[in-house]
Amino acid sequence: MTSTHSGTCFCGTVQIEVTGSPEAMGYCHCESCRSWSAGPVNAFTLWKPENVKVTQGQGSIGHFRKTEKSDRQFCTTCGGHVMTDHPGFGLIDVYAAIIPSMDFKPGVHVNYAETVLPMKDGLPKLRDFPAELGGSGEAVPE
């Protein structure tokens, strides 16, 4: 049986659905994610594009591309952040906070060299990204 979870932006105008299991879950500590999320860390869930569907409010999704690596998407009504498409990775980050029915089980910290909130949780801490996503794959101490 395939699991399906629904989520919404802050006001509910944009609704999404994710199906199956995410490819990865974890925390990103990079400056861009911190600035975008207005928090010290971003909790991510990475999905194959075919497993993410906008079920309502497609016309209310705004886009911001600081670089070609990330298409950050938000609701134009409330400004609530919804997801980031990472075309170079072939993955979409649906922010863990907007899919509350999904059991968030982080497996890694990425871009930990940039952290402003050290987290001692026993999970692997990568300096940047895993090697398979173009990073060094280098682990750093907790």
C-alpha atoms as a PDB file:
ATOM      1  CA  MET A   1       0.000   0.000   0.000  1.00  0.00           C
ATOM      2  CA  THR A   2       1.388   3.398  -0.994  1.00  0.00           C
ATOM      3  CA  SER A   3       1.235   6.156   1.579  1.00  0.00           C
ATOM      4  CA  THR A   4      -0.060   9.590   0.658  1.00  0.00           C
ATOM      5  CA  HIS A   5       0.285  12.749   2.702  1.00  0.00           C
ATOM      6  CA  SER A   6      -1.295  16.137   2.122  1.00  0.00           C
ATOM      7  CA  GLY A   7      -0.005  19.537   3.060  1.00  0.00           C
ATOM      8  CA  THR A   8      -0.793  23.197   2.617  1.00  0.00           C
ATOM      9  CA  CYS A   9       0.800  26.585   2.696  1.00  0.00           C
ATOM     10  CA  PHE A  10       0.146  28.816   5.721  1.00  0.00           C
ATOM     11  CA  CYS A  11      -3.327  29.953   4.535  1.00  0.00           C
ATOM     12  CA  GLY A  12      -4.383  26.755   2.749  1.00  0.00           C
ATOM     13  CA  THR A  13      -4.605  28.256  -0.759  1.00  0.00           C
ATOM     14  CA  VAL A  14      -1.871  25.954  -2.082  1.00  0.00           C
ATOM     15  CA  GLN A  15      -2.371  22.292  -1.342  1.00  0.00           C
ATOM     16  CA  ILE A  16       0.042  19.528  -2.209  1.00  0.00           C
ATOM     17  CA  GLU A  17       0.144  15.776  -2.026  1.00  0.00           C
ATOM     18  CA  VAL A  18       3.196  13.534  -1.724  1.00  0.00           C
ATOM     19  CA  THR A  19       3.003   9.839  -2.501  1.00  0.00           C
ATOM     20  CA  GLY A  20       5.260   6.980  -1.519  1.00  0.00           C
ATOM     21  CA  SER A  21       8.386   7.537   0.504  1.00  0.00           C
ATOM     22  CA  PRO A  22      10.846  10.402   0.337  1.00  0.00           C
ATOM     23  CA  GLU A  23      14.295   9.727  -1.081  1.00  0.00           C
ATOM     24  CA  ALA A  24      15.855  11.336   1.997  1.00  0.00           C
ATOM     25  CA  MET A  25      14.994  13.404   5.043  1.00  0.00           C
ATOM     26  CA  GLY A  26      17.253  15.590   7.078  1.00  0.00           C
ATOM     27  CA  TYR A  27      18.399  19.066   7.966  1.00  0.00           C
ATOM     28  CA  CYS A  28      20.091  21.698   5.834  1.00  0.00           C
ATOM     29  CA  HIS A  29      22.252  24.307   7.560  1.00  0.00           C
ATOM     30  CA  CYS A  30      23.293  26.433   4.561  1.00  0.00           C
ATOM     31  CA  GLU A  31      22.960  30.206   4.648  1.00  0.00           C
ATOM     32  CA  SER A  32      20.456  30.200   1.774  1.00  0.00           C
ATOM     33  CA  CYS A  33      18.076  27.779   3.500  1.00  0.00           C
ATOM     34  CA  ARG A  34      18.421  29.637   6.792  1.00  0.00           C
ATOM     35  CA  SER A  35      17.650  32.977   5.165  1.00  0.00           C
ATOM     36  CA  TRP A  36      14.757  31.585   3.142  1.00  0.00           C
ATOM     37  CA  SER A  37      13.175  29.764   6.070  1.00  0.00           C
ATOM     38  CA  ALA A  38      13.864  32.549   8.588  1.00  0.00           C
ATOM     39  CA  GLY A  39      15.156  29.865  10.921  1.00  0.00           C
ATOM     40  CA  PRO A  40      18.481  28.421  12.016  1.00  0.00           C
ATOM     41  CA  VAL A  41      17.948  25.171  10.073  1.00  0.00           C
ATOM     42  CA  ASN A  42      15.654  23.763   7.364  1.00  0.00           C
ATOM     43  CA  ALA A  43      13.993  20.350   7.810  1.00  0.00           C
ATOM     44  CA  PHE A  44      13.766  18.785   4.353  1.00  0.00           C
ATOM     45  CA  THR A  45      12.055  15.839   2.717  1.00  0.00           C
ATOM     46  CA  LEU A  46      13.322  15.050  -0.782  1.00  0.00           C
ATOM     47  CA  TRP A  47      10.964  13.506  -3.331  1.00  0.00           C
ATOM     48  CA  LYS A  48      11.107  12.434  -6.945  1.00  0.00           C
ATOM     49  CA  PRO A  49       9.077  14.972  -8.956  1.00  0.00           C
ATOM     50  CA  GLU A  50       6.506  12.375 -10.009  1.00  0.00           C
ATOM     51  CA  ASN A  51       5.654  11.848  -6.320  1.00  0.00           C
ATOM     52  CA  VAL A  52       4.762  15.501  -5.672  1.00  0.00           C
ATOM     53  CA  LYS A  53       1.471  16.916  -6.919  1.00  0.00           C
ATOM     54  CA  VAL A  54      -0.116  20.334  -6.449  1.00  0.00           C
ATOM     55  CA  THR A  55      -3.783  19.520  -5.862  1.00  0.00           C
ATOM     56  CA  GLN A  56      -5.031  23.083  -5.399  1.00  0.00           C
ATOM     57  CA  GLY A  57      -3.741  26.599  -5.990  1.00  0.00           C
ATOM     58  CA  GLN A  58      -1.216  25.999  -8.779  1.00  0.00           C
ATOM     59  CA  GLY A  59      -1.863  29.546 -10.026  1.00  0.00           C
ATOM     60  CA  SER A  60      -1.002  30.925  -6.586  1.00  0.00           C
ATOM     61  CA  ILE A  61       2.520  29.513  -6.522  1.00  0.00           C
ATOM     62  CA  GLY A  62       5.258  32.106  -6.796  1.00  0.00           C
ATOM     63  CA  HIS A  63       8.859  31.297  -7.649  1.00  0.00           C
ATOM     64  CA  PHE A  64      12.205  32.665  -6.537  1.00  0.00           C
ATOM     65  CA  ARG A  65      15.444  31.488  -8.129  1.00  0.00           C
ATOM     66  CA  LYS A  66      18.535  32.867  -6.415  1.00  0.00           C
ATOM     67  CA  THR A  67      20.546  30.354  -8.461  1.00  0.00           C
ATOM     68  CA  GLU A  68      19.756  27.805 -11.145  1.00  0.00           C
ATOM     69  CA  LYS A  69      20.117  25.066  -8.514  1.00  0.00           C
ATOM     70  CA  SER A  70      16.957  25.941  -6.592  1.00  0.00           C
ATOM     71  CA  ASP A  71      13.452  27.041  -7.594  1.00  0.00           C
ATOM     72  CA  ARG A  72      11.945  28.069  -4.260  1.00  0.00           C
ATOM     73  CA  GLN A  73       8.148  28.039  -4.348  1.00  0.00           C
ATOM     74  CA  PHE A  74       5.715  29.884  -2.102  1.00  0.00           C
ATOM     75  CA  CYS A  75       2.077  30.909  -1.890  1.00  0.00           C
ATOM     76  CA  THR A  76       1.488  34.351  -3.394  1.00  0.00           C
ATOM     77  CA  THR A  77      -1.508  34.872  -1.085  1.00  0.00           C
ATOM     78  CA  CYS A  78       0.118  34.297   2.326  1.00  0.00           C
ATOM     79  CA  GLY A  79       3.818  34.014   1.472  1.00  0.00           C
ATOM     80  CA  GLY A  80       3.960  30.559   3.050  1.00  0.00           C
ATOM     81  CA  HIS A  81       6.841  28.442   1.803  1.00  0.00           C
ATOM     82  CA  VAL A  82       5.835  25.203   0.132  1.00  0.00           C
ATOM     83  CA  MET A  83       8.750  23.497  -1.636  1.00  0.00           C
ATOM     84  CA  THR A  84      11.983  23.887  -3.556  1.00  0.00           C
ATOM     85  CA  ASP A  85      12.618  22.193  -6.872  1.00  0.00           C
ATOM     86  CA  HIS A  86      16.251  21.144  -7.277  1.00  0.00           C
ATOM     87  CA  PRO A  87      16.378  20.335 -11.012  1.00  0.00           C
ATOM     88  CA  GLY A  88      20.078  19.425 -10.962  1.00  0.00           C
ATOM     89  CA  PHE A  89      19.394  16.778  -8.329  1.00  0.00           C
ATOM     90  CA  GLY A  90      16.125  15.613  -9.909  1.00  0.00           C
ATOM     91  CA  LEU A  91      14.453  16.092  -6.528  1.00  0.00           C
ATOM     92  CA  ILE A  92      11.893  18.357  -4.875  1.00  0.00           C
ATOM     93  CA  ASP A  93      12.257  19.424  -1.252  1.00  0.00           C
ATOM     94  CA  VAL A  94       8.819  19.562   0.333  1.00  0.00           C
ATOM     95  CA  TYR A  95       9.369  21.257   3.672  1.00  0.00           C
ATOM     96  CA  ALA A  96       8.754  18.778   6.469  1.00  0.00           C
ATOM     97  CA  ALA A  97       6.639  21.284   8.405  1.00  0.00           C
ATOM     98  CA  ILE A  98       3.918  21.426   5.739  1.00  0.00           C
ATOM     99  CA  ILE A  99       3.248  17.674   5.697  1.00  0.00           C
ATOM    100  CA  PRO A 100       2.352  17.116   9.361  1.00  0.00           C
ATOM    101  CA  SER A 101       0.893  13.624   8.924  1.00  0.00           C
ATOM    102  CA  MET A 102       4.235  12.267   7.712  1.00  0.00           C
ATOM    103  CA  ASP A 103       6.557  10.822  10.330  1.00  0.00           C
ATOM    104  CA  PHE A 104       9.716  12.936   9.916  1.00  0.00           C
ATOM    105  CA  LYS A 105      12.750  10.690  10.373  1.00  0.00           C
ATOM    106  CA  PRO A 106      15.883  12.702   9.558  1.00  0.00           C
ATOM    107  CA  GLY A 107      18.915  10.751   8.430  1.00  0.00           C
ATOM    108  CA  VAL A 108      21.565  13.395   7.789  1.00  0.00           C
ATOM    109  CA  HIS A 109      22.661  16.990   8.234  1.00  0.00           C
ATOM    110  CA  VAL A 110      23.935  18.713   5.083  1.00  0.00           C
ATOM    111  CA  ASN A 111      26.022  21.882   4.817  1.00  0.00           C
ATOM    112  CA  TYR A 112      26.891  21.472   8.481  1.00  0.00           C
ATOM    113  CA  ALA A 113      30.064  23.536   8.022  1.00  0.00           C
ATOM    114  CA  GLU A 114      27.713  26.552   7.856  1.00  0.00           C
ATOM    115  CA  THR A 115      25.662  25.719  10.953  1.00  0.00           C
ATOM    116  CA  VAL A 116      24.609  28.372  13.440  1.00  0.00           C
ATOM    117  CA  LEU A 117      22.732  25.802  15.533  1.00  0.00           C
ATOM    118  CA  PRO A 118      24.907  22.828  16.453  1.00  0.00           C
ATOM    119  CA  MET A 119      22.742  19.747  16.931  1.00  0.00           C
ATOM    120  CA  LYS A 120      24.051  16.762  18.882  1.00  0.00           C
ATOM    121  CA  ASP A 121      21.723  14.018  17.717  1.00  0.00           C
ATOM    122  CA  GLY A 122      24.092  11.294  16.519  1.00  0.00           C
ATOM    123  CA  LEU A 123      23.165  11.755  12.842  1.00  0.00           C
ATOM    124  CA  PRO A 124      25.900  12.077  10.199  1.00  0.00           C
ATOM    125  CA  LYS A 125      27.022  15.678   9.664  1.00  0.00           C
ATOM    126  CA  LEU A 126      28.258  16.446   6.142  1.00  0.00           C
ATOM    127  CA  ARG A 127      30.447  19.463   5.408  1.00  0.00           C
ATOM    128  CA  ASP A 128      28.381  20.127   2.266  1.00  0.00           C
ATOM    129  CA  PHE A 129      26.405  17.598   0.193  1.00  0.00           C
ATOM    130  CA  PRO A 130      26.726  13.854  -0.314  1.00  0.00           C
ATOM    131  CA  ALA A 131      29.176  12.937  -3.080  1.00  0.00           C
ATOM    132  CA  GLU A 132      26.349  11.491  -5.229  1.00  0.00           C
ATOM    133  CA  LEU A 133      24.786  14.974  -5.301  1.00  0.00           C
ATOM    134  CA  GLY A 134      28.016  16.730  -6.250  1.00  0.00           C
ATOM    135  CA  GLY A 135      29.332  17.493  -2.784  1.00  0.00           C
ATOM    136  CA  SER A 136      32.463  16.301  -1.059  1.00  0.00           C
ATOM    137  CA  GLY A 137      30.606  13.742   1.038  1.00  0.00           C
ATOM    138  CA  GLU A 138      33.026  14.693   3.824  1.00  0.00           C
ATOM    139  CA  ALA A 139      31.753  14.127   7.336  1.00  0.00           C
ATOM    140  CA  VAL A 140      32.508  16.683  10.035  1.00  0.00           C
ATOM    141  CA  PRO A 141      32.485  16.214  13.821  1.00  0.00           C
ATOM    142  CA  GLU A 142      29.291  16.658  15.737  1.00  0.00           C
END
